[in-house]
Amino acid sequence: MRNNTELADHYEVLGVDRSATPDDIKKAYRRLARELHPDVNPSADASERFKSVTHAYDVLSDPQQRQQYDLGPQPGFGGANFGFGDIFETFFGGGGRQSGPRSRRERGQDALVRVEIDLDEVIFGTKRDLEVNTAVLCETCQGSCCLPGTSPVTCDICQGTGQIQRTMRSLLGNVMTSNPCGTCRGYGTIIANPCVTCAGQGRVRASRTIPVDIPAGVETGIRLQMPGQGEVGPAGGPNGDLFLEMKVRHHETFSRNGDDLLATIEVQMTDAILGTTTTLKGLDGDVAVEIKPGMQSAEVITIRDRGITHLRGSGRGDLKIGVQVMTPTKLNGKELELIRQLAAARKQQPPHFAHFQQGLFTKLRDRFLGF
């Protein structure tokens, strides 16, 4: 028996003459199949012969493939695969046809993974171990697509060229055309013994863990590219890229405007009148806040460099705190009396319309719309 890198003559394999009719070929195949089928004959030698018999029948039972097989390789001018079809393609825009067999190795597809992070992780960036499910290299065949110890065999229809040439009549005479071989699909070789782990694909789907550095300053919708971390290609081809689409989770206290952090602080009326200082818990530690005497609602306290680190470049945004002065609604008799005394002492004007102030209007609008 010939080794698996060389295919025997199909007529010899089936035990028929080259002039055999389609009926003769079918009868020969059925006879051998009954004798060599793995369910009947479990020996390793019978299994290999059954594969050869089946392949021979596939070729010889198809009139087009049989004709091409009987003709053998078709050399062009000077032994090269060149004919009138090539001339037409050159002069009439049909150039670019692939010459020779195409490679089984192809670049893998890109993969997209959505990653959710908290707002506090955006300030300085964070690290994650992401589990992704993609195509990875088959460990059994290492991308060869074949059972270990075997290799692809040359296609006996196109003789390894990956192309089938046919001569057609035209107004200018006989024209030779070239098309991908239907038997090997243009590869020039056939996987006679495909790897059982990956079914001859050279890759399998599996979960893997990828360490990721998420930079500071990312925001919802932004995509981070990780070259070469996508799916491995067919037959162990190069990996595609992995894209991480970011989503920043909503925070109950803080929101974001560019690289600035926004928050609201509720201040009692007495603290707004007299002024005070307080310490609040921020996303990156404690924040000292000063309420100056006479603080008004909708005023904004800006604390420099306590916002989000810039995505590209150095430095941080600011923390901007909108002030809301709380007017008490439940007062006891003593408190009411003190307020009346204060009002009498100040001789305040009654409520009235004030001159329109664009800055104040903007602050009020931002305050009630949540910035």
Protein backbone atom coordinates (compact mmCIF):
# COMPACT_ATOMS: atom_id res chain seq x y z
CA MET A 1 0.00 0.00 0.00
CA ARG A 2 1.23 3.49 -0.77
CA ASN A 3 1.96 5.86 2.08
CA ASN A 4 -0.44 8.65 2.97
CA THR A 5 1.55 11.32 1.10
CA GLU A 6 0.81 9.71 -2.26
CA LEU A 7 -2.52 8.64 -3.75
CA ALA A 8 -2.74 5.37 -5.69
CA ASP A 9 -4.31 5.13 -9.14
CA HIS A 10 -8.09 5.24 -8.64
CA TYR A 11 -8.77 2.56 -11.28
CA GLU A 12 -6.31 0.19 -9.58
CA VAL A 13 -7.88 0.90 -6.19
CA LEU A 14 -11.34 -0.10 -7.46
CA GLY A 15 -9.96 -2.96 -9.60
CA VAL A 16 -11.50 -1.79 -12.88
CA ASP A 17 -10.18 -0.86 -16.34
CA ARG A 18 -9.83 2.77 -17.43
CA SER A 19 -12.64 2.04 -19.93
CA ALA A 20 -15.03 0.94 -17.16
CA THR A 21 -18.60 2.19 -17.39
CA PRO A 22 -20.23 4.15 -14.54
CA ASP A 23 -22.16 0.96 -13.74
CA ASP A 24 -18.93 -1.07 -13.51
CA ILE A 25 -17.44 1.54 -11.17
CA LYS A 26 -20.49 1.54 -8.90
CA LYS A 27 -20.57 -2.29 -8.69
CA ALA A 28 -16.85 -2.44 -7.88
CA TYR A 29 -17.24 0.15 -5.13
CA ARG A 30 -20.20 -1.65 -3.53
CA ARG A 31 -18.35 -4.95 -3.54
CA LEU A 32 -15.26 -3.46 -1.88
CA ALA A 33 -17.31 -1.39 0.57
CA ARG A 34 -19.10 -4.51 1.83
CA GLU A 35 -15.71 -6.15 2.33
CA LEU A 36 -13.79 -3.25 3.92
CA HIS A 37 -16.42 -1.26 5.86
CA PRO A 38 -15.25 -0.71 9.51
CA ASP A 39 -18.48 -2.27 10.80
CA VAL A 40 -17.57 -5.51 8.98
CA ASN A 41 -13.78 -5.46 9.02
CA PRO A 42 -12.33 -3.57 12.04
CA SER A 43 -8.65 -3.99 11.07
CA ALA A 44 -6.50 -0.86 10.59
CA ASP A 45 -5.47 -1.95 7.09
CA ALA A 46 -9.10 -2.37 6.03
CA SER A 47 -9.91 1.09 7.38
CA GLU A 48 -7.16 2.72 5.28
CA ARG A 49 -8.22 0.78 2.17
CA PHE A 50 -11.86 1.78 2.73
CA LYS A 51 -10.83 5.46 2.74
CA SER A 52 -8.91 5.01 -0.51
CA VAL A 53 -11.80 3.14 -2.14
CA THR A 54 -14.29 5.82 -1.10
CA HIS A 55 -12.10 8.62 -2.42
CA ALA A 56 -11.51 6.81 -5.71
CA TYR A 57 -15.25 6.29 -6.16
CA ASP A 58 -15.97 9.98 -5.37
CA VAL A 59 -13.64 11.02 -8.18
CA LEU A 60 -14.54 8.42 -10.83
CA SER A 61 -18.30 8.60 -10.27
CA ASP A 62 -18.31 12.30 -11.13
CA PRO A 63 -18.04 12.71 -14.95
CA GLN A 64 -16.28 16.08 -14.73
CA GLN A 65 -13.75 14.97 -12.13
CA ARG A 66 -13.14 11.71 -13.95
CA GLN A 67 -12.46 13.53 -17.21
CA GLN A 68 -9.99 15.86 -15.52
CA TYR A 69 -8.33 12.91 -13.75
CA ASP A 70 -7.97 11.01 -17.04
CA LEU A 71 -6.42 14.06 -18.72
CA GLY A 72 -3.89 14.56 -15.93
CA PRO A 73 -2.13 17.92 -15.37
CA GLN A 74 -2.58 20.38 -18.26
CA PRO A 75 0.60 22.37 -18.92
CA GLY A 76 0.32 25.76 -20.57
CA PHE A 77 2.83 27.48 -22.83
CA GLY A 78 6.39 26.63 -21.82
CA GLY A 79 5.08 24.42 -19.01
CA ALA A 80 3.44 27.36 -17.21
CA ASN A 81 -0.28 27.65 -16.45
CA PHE A 82 -0.84 30.43 -18.99
CA GLY A 83 -3.48 30.63 -21.68
CA PHE A 84 -5.79 32.96 -23.54
CA GLY A 85 -7.80 33.45 -20.35
CA ASP A 86 -4.75 35.05 -18.75
CA ILE A 87 -4.38 37.37 -21.73
CA PHE A 88 -8.04 38.44 -21.44
CA GLU A 89 -7.67 39.02 -17.72
CA THR A 90 -4.59 41.16 -18.30
CA PHE A 91 -6.17 43.39 -20.97
CA PHE A 92 -9.80 43.50 -19.84
CA GLY A 93 -9.49 44.06 -16.11
CA GLY A 94 -9.73 40.46 -14.96
CA GLY A 95 -6.30 40.49 -13.32
CA GLY A 96 -5.72 39.63 -9.72
CA ARG A 97 -6.67 35.95 -10.09
CA GLN A 98 -4.93 33.88 -7.49
CA SER A 99 -2.17 31.78 -9.02
CA GLY A 100 -1.44 28.45 -7.38
CA PRO A 101 -3.20 26.85 -4.42
CA ARG A 102 -4.57 28.99 -1.62
CA SER A 103 -3.34 28.55 1.90
CA ARG A 104 -5.45 26.87 4.55
CA ARG A 105 -3.98 29.26 7.09
CA GLU A 106 -6.09 32.39 7.39
CA ARG A 107 -6.23 35.24 9.88
CA GLY A 108 -8.70 34.66 12.70
CA GLN A 109 -11.70 36.88 13.31
CA ASP A 110 -11.68 39.81 15.70
CA ALA A 111 -13.54 39.30 18.98
CA LEU A 112 -15.59 41.82 20.97
CA VAL A 113 -16.04 41.64 24.75
CA ARG A 114 -18.11 44.08 26.82
CA VAL A 115 -16.54 45.06 30.15
CA GLU A 116 -18.36 46.83 32.99
CA ILE A 117 -16.38 48.83 35.55
CA ASP A 118 -17.28 51.13 38.45
CA LEU A 119 -16.82 54.89 38.38
CA ASP A 120 -14.13 54.78 41.07
CA GLU A 121 -12.09 52.38 38.86
CA VAL A 122 -12.11 54.98 36.09
CA ILE A 123 -10.21 57.53 38.18
CA PHE A 124 -6.87 55.72 38.17
CA GLY A 125 -7.56 52.74 35.90
CA THR A 126 -7.77 49.11 36.96
CA LYS A 127 -6.65 45.55 36.12
CA ARG A 128 -8.94 42.68 35.19
CA ASP A 129 -8.60 39.00 34.35
CA LEU A 130 -11.15 38.48 31.59
CA GLU A 131 -12.43 35.05 30.65
CA VAL A 132 -13.20 34.90 26.93
CA ASN A 133 -14.52 32.05 24.80
CA THR A 134 -12.81 32.06 21.40
CA ALA A 135 -11.14 29.76 18.89
CA VAL A 136 -7.71 28.59 20.07
CA LEU A 137 -4.99 26.46 18.49
CA CYS A 138 -5.72 22.73 18.54
CA GLU A 139 -3.19 21.17 20.91
CA THR A 140 -3.47 17.76 19.25
CA CYS A 141 -2.45 18.72 15.70
CA GLN A 142 -0.91 22.15 16.42
CA GLY A 143 -2.83 23.65 13.51
CA SER A 144 -1.84 21.06 10.88
CA CYS A 145 -5.46 19.81 10.70
CA CYS A 146 -4.13 16.22 10.38
CA LEU A 147 -3.86 13.30 12.75
CA PRO A 148 -0.44 13.31 14.42
CA GLY A 149 2.06 11.50 12.20
CA THR A 150 0.13 12.25 9.00
CA SER A 151 0.15 15.15 6.56
CA PRO A 152 -2.04 16.52 3.73
CA VAL A 153 -1.93 14.59 0.44
CA THR A 154 -1.64 16.18 -2.98
CA CYS A 155 -4.98 16.49 -4.75
CA ASP A 156 -4.95 14.06 -7.70
CA ILE A 157 -7.51 16.11 -9.64
CA CYS A 158 -5.60 19.40 -9.86
CA GLN A 159 -2.19 17.82 -9.14
CA GLY A 160 -1.64 20.26 -6.28
CA THR A 161 -2.23 23.45 -8.28
CA GLY A 162 -5.57 24.21 -6.65
CA GLN A 163 -6.92 25.15 -10.10
CA ILE A 164 -8.80 23.27 -12.84
CA GLN A 165 -8.17 24.43 -16.40
CA ARG A 166 -10.70 23.91 -19.15
CA THR A 167 -10.58 24.78 -22.83
CA MET A 168 -13.60 26.64 -24.20
CA ARG A 169 -14.43 27.70 -27.73
CA SER A 170 -14.88 31.40 -28.42
CA LEU A 171 -14.99 33.82 -31.34
CA LEU A 172 -11.21 34.10 -31.10
CA GLY A 173 -10.66 30.37 -30.96
CA ASN A 174 -10.00 28.10 -28.01
CA VAL A 175 -9.73 29.91 -24.65
CA MET A 176 -8.34 28.30 -21.55
CA THR A 177 -10.15 29.16 -18.31
CA SER A 178 -9.05 28.41 -14.76
CA ASN A 179 -11.29 27.82 -11.74
CA PRO A 180 -10.71 26.58 -8.17
CA CYS A 181 -10.61 22.80 -7.94
CA GLY A 182 -13.89 21.45 -6.58
CA THR A 183 -12.27 18.45 -4.97
CA CYS A 184 -9.72 20.25 -2.77
CA ARG A 185 -11.53 23.62 -2.83
CA GLY A 186 -8.46 25.35 -4.21
CA TYR A 187 -6.04 24.22 -1.48
CA GLY A 188 -4.12 21.83 -3.72
CA THR A 189 -4.10 19.21 -0.94
CA ILE A 190 -6.63 16.99 0.80
CA ILE A 191 -6.78 16.19 4.51
CA ALA A 192 -7.03 12.41 4.19
CA ASN A 193 -6.71 11.82 7.94
CA PRO A 194 -8.28 14.79 9.75
CA CYS A 195 -7.47 15.43 13.39
CA VAL A 196 -10.25 13.99 15.54
CA THR A 197 -9.96 16.75 18.16
CA CYS A 198 -10.63 19.70 15.84
CA ALA A 199 -12.30 17.79 12.95
CA GLY A 200 -9.56 18.97 10.59
CA GLN A 201 -9.96 22.69 11.38
CA GLY A 202 -6.69 23.21 13.24
CA ARG A 203 -8.50 25.07 16.01
CA VAL A 204 -11.12 24.48 18.72
CA ARG A 205 -13.30 26.70 20.88
CA ALA A 206 -12.18 27.10 24.46
CA SER A 207 -12.26 29.51 27.37
CA ARG A 208 -9.07 31.32 28.30
CA THR A 209 -8.14 34.02 30.77
CA ILE A 210 -6.55 37.25 29.55
CA PRO A 211 -5.03 39.83 31.93
CA VAL A 212 -6.15 43.34 30.94
CA ASP A 213 -4.89 46.77 31.99
CA ILE A 214 -7.82 49.20 31.72
CA PRO A 215 -6.42 52.75 31.56
CA ALA A 216 -7.75 55.66 33.60
CA GLY A 217 -10.24 57.98 31.93
CA VAL A 218 -12.21 55.45 29.87
CA GLU A 219 -15.92 56.08 29.41
CA THR A 220 -18.97 54.18 28.25
CA GLY A 221 -18.79 53.24 24.56
CA ILE A 222 -15.02 53.51 24.16
CA ARG A 223 -13.29 50.48 22.65
CA LEU A 224 -9.83 49.28 23.61
CA GLN A 225 -7.92 47.19 21.06
CA MET A 226 -5.71 44.27 22.07
CA PRO A 227 -3.79 43.16 18.96
CA GLY A 228 -3.38 39.42 18.47
CA GLN A 229 -5.72 38.45 21.32
CA GLY A 230 -8.71 37.49 19.13
CA GLU A 231 -9.54 34.15 17.55
CA VAL A 232 -6.81 31.96 16.06
CA GLY A 233 -7.33 31.48 12.33
CA PRO A 234 -8.17 28.26 10.45
CA ALA A 235 -5.26 25.81 10.26
CA GLY A 236 -3.46 27.71 13.01
CA GLY A 237 -3.52 31.04 11.16
CA PRO A 238 -2.58 34.30 12.96
CA ASN A 239 -4.90 35.59 15.66
CA GLY A 240 -7.32 38.42 15.09
CA ASP A 241 -7.62 41.29 17.55
CA LEU A 242 -9.67 41.54 20.75
CA PHE A 243 -11.77 44.66 21.31
CA LEU A 244 -13.00 45.63 24.77
CA GLU A 245 -16.13 47.80 24.77
CA MET A 246 -16.34 49.69 28.06
CA LYS A 247 -19.41 50.44 30.14
CA VAL A 248 -19.12 52.55 33.31
CA ARG A 249 -21.77 51.66 35.88
CA HIS A 250 -24.07 54.33 37.32
CA HIS A 251 -23.06 55.72 40.74
CA GLU A 252 -25.66 56.88 43.24
CA THR A 253 -23.68 59.92 44.47
CA PHE A 254 -21.26 60.96 41.74
CA SER A 255 -21.71 61.56 38.04
CA ARG A 256 -19.33 62.61 35.32
CA ASN A 257 -18.88 65.50 32.92
CA GLY A 258 -15.83 64.84 30.78
CA ASP A 259 -13.03 64.32 33.29
CA ASP A 260 -14.80 66.26 36.05
CA LEU A 261 -16.70 64.51 38.82
CA LEU A 262 -20.02 66.06 39.85
CA ALA A 263 -21.87 65.78 43.17
CA THR A 264 -24.45 67.65 45.26
CA ILE A 265 -24.11 68.60 48.93
CA GLU A 266 -27.09 69.47 51.16
CA VAL A 267 -26.31 72.35 53.54
CA GLN A 268 -28.48 73.41 56.46
CA MET A 269 -29.63 77.04 56.43
CA THR A 270 -27.66 77.92 59.55
CA ASP A 271 -24.45 76.45 58.09
CA ALA A 272 -25.03 78.39 54.88
CA ILE A 273 -25.43 81.61 56.89
CA LEU A 274 -22.56 81.13 59.33
CA GLY A 275 -20.26 78.95 57.25
CA THR A 276 -18.66 75.64 58.23
CA THR A 277 -16.19 72.97 57.15
CA THR A 278 -16.84 69.28 56.73
CA THR A 279 -15.14 66.14 55.47
CA LEU A 280 -16.92 63.92 52.97
CA LYS A 281 -16.02 60.52 51.61
CA GLY A 282 -15.01 60.77 47.94
CA LEU A 283 -14.33 58.07 45.37
CA ASP A 284 -10.61 58.27 46.02
CA GLY A 285 -10.53 59.16 49.73
CA ASP A 286 -11.75 61.89 52.08
CA VAL A 287 -12.54 65.35 50.70
CA ALA A 288 -12.36 68.51 52.84
CA VAL A 289 -15.19 70.91 51.91
CA GLU A 290 -15.48 74.52 53.06
CA ILE A 291 -18.90 76.18 53.21
CA LYS A 292 -18.26 79.91 53.21
CA PRO A 293 -20.61 82.23 55.16
CA GLY A 294 -23.55 83.33 53.03
CA MET A 295 -23.37 80.31 50.65
CA GLN A 296 -26.32 80.24 48.24
CA SER A 297 -28.17 77.35 46.61
CA ALA A 298 -26.86 76.44 43.13
CA GLU A 299 -23.38 77.73 43.92
CA VAL A 300 -20.63 75.32 42.90
CA ILE A 301 -17.60 74.46 45.03
CA THR A 302 -14.65 73.38 42.87
CA ILE A 303 -11.96 71.17 44.33
CA ARG A 304 -9.03 71.01 41.93
CA ASP A 305 -7.44 67.77 40.73
CA ARG A 306 -9.91 65.44 42.48
CA GLY A 307 -11.63 64.33 39.28
CA ILE A 308 -10.73 61.63 36.73
CA THR A 309 -7.26 61.13 35.33
CA HIS A 310 -7.08 62.18 31.68
CA LEU A 311 -7.20 59.25 29.26
CA ARG A 312 -4.40 60.66 27.12
CA GLY A 313 -1.94 62.83 28.96
CA SER A 314 -1.27 63.64 32.59
CA GLY A 315 -3.28 65.43 35.25
CA ARG A 316 -6.83 65.07 36.51
CA GLY A 317 -10.13 66.84 36.20
CA ASP A 318 -11.87 68.59 39.10
CA LEU A 319 -14.50 67.62 41.65
CA LYS A 320 -17.43 70.05 41.35
CA ILE A 321 -19.96 70.10 44.18
CA GLY A 322 -23.30 71.82 43.73
CA VAL A 323 -24.73 73.39 46.91
CA GLN A 324 -28.35 72.94 47.95
CA VAL A 325 -29.38 75.02 50.98
CA MET A 326 -32.04 73.20 52.97
CA THR A 327 -34.83 75.34 54.44
CA PRO A 328 -36.23 73.82 57.63
CA THR A 329 -39.92 72.88 57.48
CA LYS A 330 -40.59 71.91 61.08
CA LEU A 331 -39.64 74.44 63.77
CA ASN A 332 -40.60 74.57 67.44
CA GLY A 333 -41.86 77.72 69.09
CA LYS A 334 -38.46 78.89 70.28
CA GLU A 335 -36.91 78.42 66.84
CA LEU A 336 -39.76 80.32 65.16
CA GLU A 337 -39.35 83.20 67.57
CA LEU A 338 -35.63 83.43 66.86
CA ILE A 339 -36.31 83.49 63.10
CA ARG A 340 -38.89 86.26 63.53
CA GLN A 341 -36.39 88.30 65.56
CA LEU A 342 -33.77 87.82 62.84
CA ALA A 343 -36.22 88.90 60.13
CA ALA A 344 -37.26 92.00 62.12
CA ALA A 345 -33.65 92.95 62.77
CA ARG A 346 -32.71 92.67 59.08
CA LYS A 347 -35.79 94.57 57.77
CA GLN A 348 -35.69 92.43 54.61
CA GLN A 349 -37.50 93.38 51.41
CA PRO A 350 -40.42 91.16 50.34
CA PRO A 351 -39.83 88.63 47.51
CA HIS A 352 -39.52 90.27 44.08
CA PHE A 353 -38.20 89.62 40.55
CA ALA A 354 -34.49 90.23 40.15
CA HIS A 355 -32.51 91.21 37.05
CA PHE A 356 -31.90 88.22 34.79
CA GLN A 357 -28.45 86.68 35.35
CA GLN A 358 -27.25 84.17 32.77
CA GLY A 359 -24.71 82.61 35.11
CA LEU A 360 -27.23 82.09 37.90
CA PHE A 361 -29.83 80.70 35.50
CA THR A 362 -27.29 78.21 34.15
CA LYS A 363 -26.37 77.06 37.65
CA LEU A 364 -30.01 76.62 38.61
CA ARG A 365 -30.77 74.75 35.41
CA ASP A 366 -27.79 72.42 35.88
CA ARG A 367 -28.73 71.91 39.50
CA PHE A 368 -32.28 70.80 38.80
CA LEU A 369 -31.35 68.76 35.72
CA GLY A 370 -28.66 66.93 37.67
CA PHE A 371 -25.83 68.66 35.75
